[in-house]
Amino acid sequence: MTKVWTSIVVVAAIIGSFLLVAPVLESATSGSTQFFQAVGTADGGAD
């Protein structure tokens, strides 16, 4: 059971670190990728 929780924590840490690093990687590139563009505008709505 401990091994399962360890795996869950490791996966959550990897996903969390990716979400923290992704905006930095995007700002370092000359053009935004479609993935980050889609994520960034997904909750924009039609105001």
C-alpha atoms as a PDB file:
ATOM      1  CA  MET A   1       0.000   0.000   0.000  1.00  0.00           C
ATOM      2  CA  THR A   2       2.878   2.350   0.760  1.00  0.00           C
ATOM      3  CA  LYS A   3       4.294   1.691  -2.705  1.00  0.00           C
ATOM      4  CA  VAL A   4       1.012   2.812  -4.288  1.00  0.00           C
ATOM      5  CA  TRP A   5       0.976   6.090  -2.354  1.00  0.00           C
ATOM      6  CA  THR A   6       4.635   6.681  -3.212  1.00  0.00           C
ATOM      7  CA  SER A   7       3.832   6.270  -6.893  1.00  0.00           C
ATOM      8  CA  ILE A   8       0.891   8.659  -6.622  1.00  0.00           C
ATOM      9  CA  VAL A   9       3.035  11.285  -4.901  1.00  0.00           C
ATOM     10  CA  VAL A  10       5.785  10.925  -7.514  1.00  0.00           C
ATOM     11  CA  VAL A  11       3.322  11.334 -10.390  1.00  0.00           C
ATOM     12  CA  ALA A  12       1.707  14.349  -8.701  1.00  0.00           C
ATOM     13  CA  ALA A  13       5.136  15.927  -8.163  1.00  0.00           C
ATOM     14  CA  ILE A  14       6.068  15.429 -11.820  1.00  0.00           C
ATOM     15  CA  ILE A  15       2.802  16.951 -13.029  1.00  0.00           C
ATOM     16  CA  GLY A  16       3.096  19.832 -10.563  1.00  0.00           C
ATOM     17  CA  SER A  17       6.650  20.620 -11.574  1.00  0.00           C
ATOM     18  CA  PHE A  18       5.658  20.552 -15.241  1.00  0.00           C
ATOM     19  CA  LEU A  19       2.846  23.024 -14.601  1.00  0.00           C
ATOM     20  CA  LEU A  20       5.260  25.324 -12.781  1.00  0.00           C
ATOM     21  CA  VAL A  21       7.968  25.115 -15.453  1.00  0.00           C
ATOM     22  CA  ALA A  22       5.700  25.219 -18.529  1.00  0.00           C
ATOM     23  CA  PRO A  23       5.079  29.011 -18.519  1.00  0.00           C
ATOM     24  CA  VAL A  24       8.815  29.640 -18.147  1.00  0.00           C
ATOM     25  CA  LEU A  25       9.591  27.367 -21.078  1.00  0.00           C
ATOM     26  CA  GLU A  26       6.888  29.024 -23.157  1.00  0.00           C
ATOM     27  CA  SER A  27       8.157  32.526 -22.462  1.00  0.00           C
ATOM     28  CA  ALA A  28      11.682  31.441 -23.414  1.00  0.00           C
ATOM     29  CA  THR A  29      10.583  30.372 -26.902  1.00  0.00           C
ATOM     30  CA  SER A  30      10.158  32.803 -29.765  1.00  0.00           C
ATOM     31  CA  GLY A  31       6.684  31.538 -30.658  1.00  0.00           C
ATOM     32  CA  SER A  32       4.030  29.993 -28.453  1.00  0.00           C
ATOM     33  CA  THR A  33       3.233  26.370 -29.066  1.00  0.00           C
ATOM     34  CA  GLN A  34      -0.320  25.365 -29.862  1.00  0.00           C
ATOM     35  CA  PHE A  35      -0.554  23.348 -26.644  1.00  0.00           C
ATOM     36  CA  PHE A  36       0.160  26.256 -24.323  1.00  0.00           C
ATOM     37  CA  GLN A  37      -1.920  28.563 -26.474  1.00  0.00           C
ATOM     38  CA  ALA A  38      -4.886  26.195 -26.127  1.00  0.00           C
ATOM     39  CA  VAL A  39      -4.401  25.847 -22.376  1.00  0.00           C
ATOM     40  CA  GLY A  40      -4.008  29.575 -21.922  1.00  0.00           C
ATOM     41  CA  THR A  41      -7.112  30.502 -23.882  1.00  0.00           C
ATOM     42  CA  ALA A  42      -9.322  27.582 -22.867  1.00  0.00           C
ATOM     43  CA  ASP A  43     -11.012  29.498 -20.036  1.00  0.00           C
ATOM     44  CA  GLY A  44     -11.060  32.867 -21.797  1.00  0.00           C
ATOM     45  CA  GLY A  45     -14.756  32.745 -22.662  1.00  0.00           C
ATOM     46  CA  ALA A  46     -16.574  35.283 -24.841  1.00  0.00           C
ATOM     47  CA  ASP A  47     -16.669  38.467 -22.804  1.00  0.00           C
END
